[in-house]
Amino acid sequence: MNPYLSRHETAILVDLIQSVLPKVVIEFGCNIGLTARTILERVPSIETYIGVDVPFSHEPELSCQWSEIPYTAGLMVAKDPRFWLLVREGGSLALTPSDLELCDAVFIDGDHSERVVSHDSYLARALTRPGGIIVWHDNGNPAVEVTQALDRLRNEGWPIQSVDGTWLAYVRISDHAYEATQG
């Protein structure tokens, strides 16, 4: 049982990721790896799954996430040879596109402050190949700032879709996609 994603959301997330037949997936905020394990079990095309997280000493920007810092990031999926863990002081904020590889799918579910969600979104857009997908969790959750970040991205022209009845949102990356530029 995943304390952060319902079974319904997990099934939809897996379907969204599966829809692009990804070889490489990146997850910002992999926590102990429950979502990564489920995706790896259910999406056979994956060759590499990169989980990004923070050290246990990290303090997220939103106090409501202080209890969500994993003691051992990626623990539940560490033995899968396709999984690669990247833990940095500062988490994803310490990363640039040159720190990661191009991918087919990104799941953004780490620090839920507007600043970090925006950073993760621009980073994901820089890394996601045409035909890929970016998925966010906690869109519509009033306790965090994901919705504010996604609303700003929509205003910049990102064609982000919300999944009714869930806290998921996604955007498909096409050859003729909007140009994401950091504002």
C-alpha atoms as a PDB file:
ATOM      1  CA  MET A   1       0.000   0.000   0.000  1.00  0.00           C
ATOM      2  CA  ASN A   2       1.321   3.411  -1.005  1.00  0.00           C
ATOM      3  CA  PRO A   3       0.532   6.136   1.565  1.00  0.00           C
ATOM      4  CA  TYR A   4       0.922   8.906  -1.024  1.00  0.00           C
ATOM      5  CA  LEU A   5      -0.933   7.577  -4.079  1.00  0.00           C
ATOM      6  CA  SER A   6      -4.287   5.805  -3.998  1.00  0.00           C
ATOM      7  CA  ARG A   7      -4.688   2.538  -5.906  1.00  0.00           C
ATOM      8  CA  HIS A   8      -6.792   4.397  -8.450  1.00  0.00           C
ATOM      9  CA  GLU A   9      -4.110   7.072  -8.950  1.00  0.00           C
ATOM     10  CA  THR A  10      -1.392   4.439  -9.141  1.00  0.00           C
ATOM     11  CA  ALA A  11      -3.271   2.561 -11.872  1.00  0.00           C
ATOM     12  CA  ILE A  12      -3.759   5.761 -13.873  1.00  0.00           C
ATOM     13  CA  LEU A  13      -0.105   6.754 -13.393  1.00  0.00           C
ATOM     14  CA  VAL A  14       1.034   3.342 -14.644  1.00  0.00           C
ATOM     15  CA  ASP A  15      -1.283   3.639 -17.671  1.00  0.00           C
ATOM     16  CA  LEU A  16       0.024   7.132 -18.484  1.00  0.00           C
ATOM     17  CA  ILE A  17       3.653   6.000 -18.229  1.00  0.00           C
ATOM     18  CA  GLN A  18       2.928   2.784 -20.188  1.00  0.00           C
ATOM     19  CA  SER A  19       1.258   4.803 -22.944  1.00  0.00           C
ATOM     20  CA  VAL A  20       4.642   6.103 -24.165  1.00  0.00           C
ATOM     21  CA  LEU A  21       6.446   2.723 -23.963  1.00  0.00           C
ATOM     22  CA  PRO A  22       9.317   4.316 -22.056  1.00  0.00           C
ATOM     23  CA  LYS A  23      12.858   3.048 -22.008  1.00  0.00           C
ATOM     24  CA  VAL A  24      14.008   5.690 -19.490  1.00  0.00           C
ATOM     25  CA  VAL A  25      11.892   7.077 -16.627  1.00  0.00           C
ATOM     26  CA  ILE A  26      12.856   9.738 -14.081  1.00  0.00           C
ATOM     27  CA  GLU A  27      11.015  10.245 -10.798  1.00  0.00           C
ATOM     28  CA  PHE A  28      11.585  13.398  -8.760  1.00  0.00           C
ATOM     29  CA  GLY A  29      10.812  12.456  -5.165  1.00  0.00           C
ATOM     30  CA  CYS A  30      11.084   8.668  -5.211  1.00  0.00           C
ATOM     31  CA  ASN A  31      10.877   8.410  -1.399  1.00  0.00           C
ATOM     32  CA  ILE A  32      11.378   4.757  -0.387  1.00  0.00           C
ATOM     33  CA  GLY A  33      10.552   3.562  -3.901  1.00  0.00           C
ATOM     34  CA  LEU A  34       7.003   2.213  -3.693  1.00  0.00           C
ATOM     35  CA  THR A  35       5.855   3.992  -6.843  1.00  0.00           C
ATOM     36  CA  ALA A  36       9.074   3.108  -8.677  1.00  0.00           C
ATOM     37  CA  ARG A  37       8.651  -0.554  -7.757  1.00  0.00           C
ATOM     38  CA  THR A  38       5.077  -0.604  -9.044  1.00  0.00           C
ATOM     39  CA  ILE A  39       5.974   1.132 -12.311  1.00  0.00           C
ATOM     40  CA  LEU A  40       8.956  -1.164 -12.872  1.00  0.00           C
ATOM     41  CA  GLU A  41       6.765  -4.236 -12.236  1.00  0.00           C
ATOM     42  CA  ARG A  42       4.040  -3.106 -14.632  1.00  0.00           C
ATOM     43  CA  VAL A  43       5.886  -1.351 -17.480  1.00  0.00           C
ATOM     44  CA  PRO A  44       8.136  -3.933 -19.142  1.00  0.00           C
ATOM     45  CA  SER A  45       9.690  -1.533 -21.683  1.00  0.00           C
ATOM     46  CA  ILE A  46      11.688   0.297 -18.983  1.00  0.00           C
ATOM     47  CA  GLU A  47      15.449  -0.190 -19.195  1.00  0.00           C
ATOM     48  CA  THR A  48      16.488   2.589 -16.777  1.00  0.00           C
ATOM     49  CA  TYR A  49      14.561   4.182 -13.914  1.00  0.00           C
ATOM     50  CA  ILE A  50      16.252   7.136 -12.210  1.00  0.00           C
ATOM     51  CA  GLY A  51      14.964   8.056  -8.765  1.00  0.00           C
ATOM     52  CA  VAL A  52      15.905  11.498  -7.467  1.00  0.00           C
ATOM     53  CA  ASP A  53      15.597  12.343  -3.791  1.00  0.00           C
ATOM     54  CA  VAL A  54      17.217  14.150  -0.878  1.00  0.00           C
ATOM     55  CA  PRO A  55      19.284  13.030   2.109  1.00  0.00           C
ATOM     56  CA  PHE A  56      17.416  12.383   5.340  1.00  0.00           C
ATOM     57  CA  SER A  57      18.775  15.636   6.800  1.00  0.00           C
ATOM     58  CA  HIS A  58      16.984  17.734   4.139  1.00  0.00           C
ATOM     59  CA  GLU A  59      14.303  20.242   5.152  1.00  0.00           C
ATOM     60  CA  PRO A  60      11.673  20.746   2.446  1.00  0.00           C
ATOM     61  CA  GLU A  61      10.284  24.208   1.760  1.00  0.00           C
ATOM     62  CA  LEU A  62       6.771  23.291   2.948  1.00  0.00           C
ATOM     63  CA  SER A  63       6.442  22.261   6.582  1.00  0.00           C
ATOM     64  CA  CYS A  64       3.666  19.780   5.697  1.00  0.00           C
ATOM     65  CA  GLN A  65       6.323  17.678   3.912  1.00  0.00           C
ATOM     66  CA  TRP A  66       8.844  17.491   6.748  1.00  0.00           C
ATOM     67  CA  SER A  67       7.635  14.016   7.749  1.00  0.00           C
ATOM     68  CA  GLU A  68       7.942  12.732   4.160  1.00  0.00           C
ATOM     69  CA  ILE A  69      11.737  12.707   3.907  1.00  0.00           C
ATOM     70  CA  PRO A  70      12.823   9.080   3.544  1.00  0.00           C
ATOM     71  CA  TYR A  71      15.461   7.682   5.853  1.00  0.00           C
ATOM     72  CA  THR A  72      16.665   5.467   3.003  1.00  0.00           C
ATOM     73  CA  ALA A  73      15.544   6.729  -0.405  1.00  0.00           C
ATOM     74  CA  GLY A  74      14.808   4.021  -2.962  1.00  0.00           C
ATOM     75  CA  LEU A  75      14.923   1.199  -0.399  1.00  0.00           C
ATOM     76  CA  MET A  76      12.000  -0.785  -1.868  1.00  0.00           C
ATOM     77  CA  VAL A  77      13.477  -0.897  -5.369  1.00  0.00           C
ATOM     78  CA  ALA A  78      17.228  -0.743  -4.724  1.00  0.00           C
ATOM     79  CA  LYS A  79      17.813  -4.343  -5.843  1.00  0.00           C
ATOM     80  CA  ASP A  80      16.228  -3.840  -9.257  1.00  0.00           C
ATOM     81  CA  PRO A  81      19.158  -3.526 -11.706  1.00  0.00           C
ATOM     82  CA  ARG A  82      17.206  -0.985 -13.784  1.00  0.00           C
ATOM     83  CA  PHE A  83      16.917   1.428 -10.830  1.00  0.00           C
ATOM     84  CA  TRP A  84      19.486   4.136 -10.299  1.00  0.00           C
ATOM     85  CA  LEU A  85      19.262   6.454  -7.276  1.00  0.00           C
ATOM     86  CA  LEU A  86      20.513  10.037  -7.280  1.00  0.00           C
ATOM     87  CA  VAL A  87      20.525  11.699  -3.849  1.00  0.00           C
ATOM     88  CA  ARG A  88      21.792  15.246  -3.670  1.00  0.00           C
ATOM     89  CA  GLU A  89      21.848  17.863  -0.963  1.00  0.00           C
ATOM     90  CA  GLY A  90      19.178  20.216  -2.236  1.00  0.00           C
ATOM     91  CA  GLY A  91      17.517  17.419  -4.200  1.00  0.00           C
ATOM     92  CA  SER A  92      16.428  18.275  -7.713  1.00  0.00           C
ATOM     93  CA  LEU A  93      17.292  21.947  -7.229  1.00  0.00           C
ATOM     94  CA  ALA A  94      20.941  20.892  -7.349  1.00  0.00           C
ATOM     95  CA  LEU A  95      20.460  19.295 -10.784  1.00  0.00           C
ATOM     96  CA  THR A  96      20.702  20.547 -14.343  1.00  0.00           C
ATOM     97  CA  PRO A  97      19.878  18.652 -17.534  1.00  0.00           C
ATOM     98  CA  SER A  98      23.529  17.614 -17.866  1.00  0.00           C
ATOM     99  CA  ASP A  99      23.251  15.653 -14.586  1.00  0.00           C
ATOM    100  CA  LEU A 100      20.606  13.304 -16.012  1.00  0.00           C
ATOM    101  CA  GLU A 101      19.902  11.527 -19.265  1.00  0.00           C
ATOM    102  CA  LEU A 102      17.186  12.076 -21.821  1.00  0.00           C
ATOM    103  CA  CYS A 103      14.033  10.200 -20.927  1.00  0.00           C
ATOM    104  CA  ASP A 104      10.605   9.195 -22.139  1.00  0.00           C
ATOM    105  CA  ALA A 105       8.619   9.785 -18.945  1.00  0.00           C
ATOM    106  CA  VAL A 106       8.987  11.888 -15.808  1.00  0.00           C
ATOM    107  CA  PHE A 107       6.963  11.658 -12.621  1.00  0.00           C
ATOM    108  CA  ILE A 108       7.185  14.786 -10.442  1.00  0.00           C
ATOM    109  CA  ASP A 109       6.269  14.048  -6.827  1.00  0.00           C
ATOM    110  CA  GLY A 110       9.054  15.553  -4.686  1.00  0.00           C
ATOM    111  CA  ASP A 111       9.114  18.908  -2.931  1.00  0.00           C
ATOM    112  CA  HIS A 112       5.671  20.404  -3.560  1.00  0.00           C
ATOM    113  CA  SER A 113       6.553  24.090  -3.179  1.00  0.00           C
ATOM    114  CA  GLU A 114       5.762  26.202  -6.240  1.00  0.00           C
ATOM    115  CA  ARG A 115       9.446  27.037  -6.701  1.00  0.00           C
ATOM    116  CA  VAL A 116      10.614  23.414  -6.740  1.00  0.00           C
ATOM    117  CA  VAL A 117       7.693  22.099  -8.805  1.00  0.00           C
ATOM    118  CA  SER A 118       8.454  24.799 -11.383  1.00  0.00           C
ATOM    119  CA  HIS A 119      12.156  23.902 -11.392  1.00  0.00           C
ATOM    120  CA  ASP A 120      11.375  20.185 -11.711  1.00  0.00           C
ATOM    121  CA  SER A 121       8.944  20.911 -14.548  1.00  0.00           C
ATOM    122  CA  TYR A 122      11.479  22.897 -16.583  1.00  0.00           C
ATOM    123  CA  LEU A 123      14.104  20.247 -15.902  1.00  0.00           C
ATOM    124  CA  ALA A 124      11.681  17.498 -16.952  1.00  0.00           C
ATOM    125  CA  ARG A 125      10.768  19.382 -20.139  1.00  0.00           C
ATOM    126  CA  ALA A 126      14.452  19.764 -21.035  1.00  0.00           C
ATOM    127  CA  LEU A 127      14.973  16.007 -20.613  1.00  0.00           C
ATOM    128  CA  THR A 128      11.792  14.502 -22.079  1.00  0.00           C
ATOM    129  CA  ARG A 129      12.024  13.310 -25.668  1.00  0.00           C
ATOM    130  CA  PRO A 130       9.258  14.056 -28.189  1.00  0.00           C
ATOM    131  CA  GLY A 131       6.530  11.466 -27.717  1.00  0.00           C
ATOM    132  CA  GLY A 132       7.176  11.370 -23.979  1.00  0.00           C
ATOM    133  CA  ILE A 133       5.099  12.399 -20.986  1.00  0.00           C
ATOM    134  CA  ILE A 134       5.467  14.386 -17.757  1.00  0.00           C
ATOM    135  CA  VAL A 135       3.121  13.531 -14.879  1.00  0.00           C
ATOM    136  CA  TRP A 136       2.639  15.501 -11.658  1.00  0.00           C
ATOM    137  CA  HIS A 137       1.073  14.404  -8.366  1.00  0.00           C
ATOM    138  CA  ASP A 138      -0.862  16.596  -5.921  1.00  0.00           C
ATOM    139  CA  ASN A 139      -2.487  18.885  -8.472  1.00  0.00           C
ATOM    140  CA  GLY A 140      -5.550  20.212  -6.665  1.00  0.00           C
ATOM    141  CA  ASN A 141      -4.203  19.402  -3.193  1.00  0.00           C
ATOM    142  CA  PRO A 142      -4.780  22.615  -1.196  1.00  0.00           C
ATOM    143  CA  ALA A 143      -2.076  21.727   1.349  1.00  0.00           C
ATOM    144  CA  VAL A 144       0.710  22.191  -1.217  1.00  0.00           C
ATOM    145  CA  GLU A 145       1.643  24.496  -4.119  1.00  0.00           C
ATOM    146  CA  VAL A 146       1.584  22.125  -7.111  1.00  0.00           C
ATOM    147  CA  THR A 147      -1.580  23.684  -8.561  1.00  0.00           C
ATOM    148  CA  GLN A 148      -0.085  27.180  -8.480  1.00  0.00           C
ATOM    149  CA  ALA A 149       2.995  25.965 -10.367  1.00  0.00           C
ATOM    150  CA  LEU A 150       0.905  24.123 -12.963  1.00  0.00           C
ATOM    151  CA  ASP A 151      -1.411  27.096 -13.436  1.00  0.00           C
ATOM    152  CA  ARG A 152       1.620  29.284 -14.168  1.00  0.00           C
ATOM    153  CA  LEU A 153       2.941  26.713 -16.663  1.00  0.00           C
ATOM    154  CA  ARG A 154      -0.487  26.561 -18.349  1.00  0.00           C
ATOM    155  CA  ASN A 155      -0.382  30.350 -18.648  1.00  0.00           C
ATOM    156  CA  GLU A 156       2.971  29.954 -20.409  1.00  0.00           C
ATOM    157  CA  GLY A 157       1.335  27.642 -22.946  1.00  0.00           C
ATOM    158  CA  TRP A 158       1.988  24.190 -21.503  1.00  0.00           C
ATOM    159  CA  PRO A 159      -1.025  22.025 -22.512  1.00  0.00           C
ATOM    160  CA  ILE A 160      -1.303  20.355 -19.092  1.00  0.00           C
ATOM    161  CA  GLN A 161      -4.309  18.093 -18.553  1.00  0.00           C
ATOM    162  CA  SER A 162      -5.794  17.265 -15.148  1.00  0.00           C
ATOM    163  CA  VAL A 163      -7.094  13.746 -14.517  1.00  0.00           C
ATOM    164  CA  ASP A 164     -10.627  14.021 -13.119  1.00  0.00           C
ATOM    165  CA  GLY A 165     -11.145  12.475  -9.697  1.00  0.00           C
ATOM    166  CA  THR A 166      -7.408  12.406  -8.909  1.00  0.00           C
ATOM    167  CA  TRP A 167      -4.528  14.681  -7.949  1.00  0.00           C
ATOM    168  CA  LEU A 168      -2.718  13.771 -11.179  1.00  0.00           C
ATOM    169  CA  ALA A 169      -1.948  16.039 -14.124  1.00  0.00           C
ATOM    170  CA  TYR A 170       0.114  15.375 -17.226  1.00  0.00           C
ATOM    171  CA  VAL A 171       1.446  16.801 -20.459  1.00  0.00           C
ATOM    172  CA  ARG A 172       2.413  14.886 -23.564  1.00  0.00           C
ATOM    173  CA  ILE A 173       5.518  16.139 -25.339  1.00  0.00           C
ATOM    174  CA  SER A 174       5.136  16.332 -29.121  1.00  0.00           C
ATOM    175  CA  ASP A 175       7.476  17.277 -31.938  1.00  0.00           C
ATOM    176  CA  HIS A 176       5.594  20.549 -32.236  1.00  0.00           C
ATOM    177  CA  ALA A 177       5.329  21.165 -28.500  1.00  0.00           C
ATOM    178  CA  TYR A 178       5.489  24.581 -26.902  1.00  0.00           C
ATOM    179  CA  GLU A 179       8.945  25.801 -26.068  1.00  0.00           C
ATOM    180  CA  ALA A 180       9.408  25.703 -22.326  1.00  0.00           C
ATOM    181  CA  THR A 181      11.595  28.535 -21.164  1.00  0.00           C
ATOM    182  CA  GLN A 182      12.328  29.324 -17.593  1.00  0.00           C
ATOM    183  CA  GLY A 183      10.467  32.509 -16.716  1.00  0.00           C
END
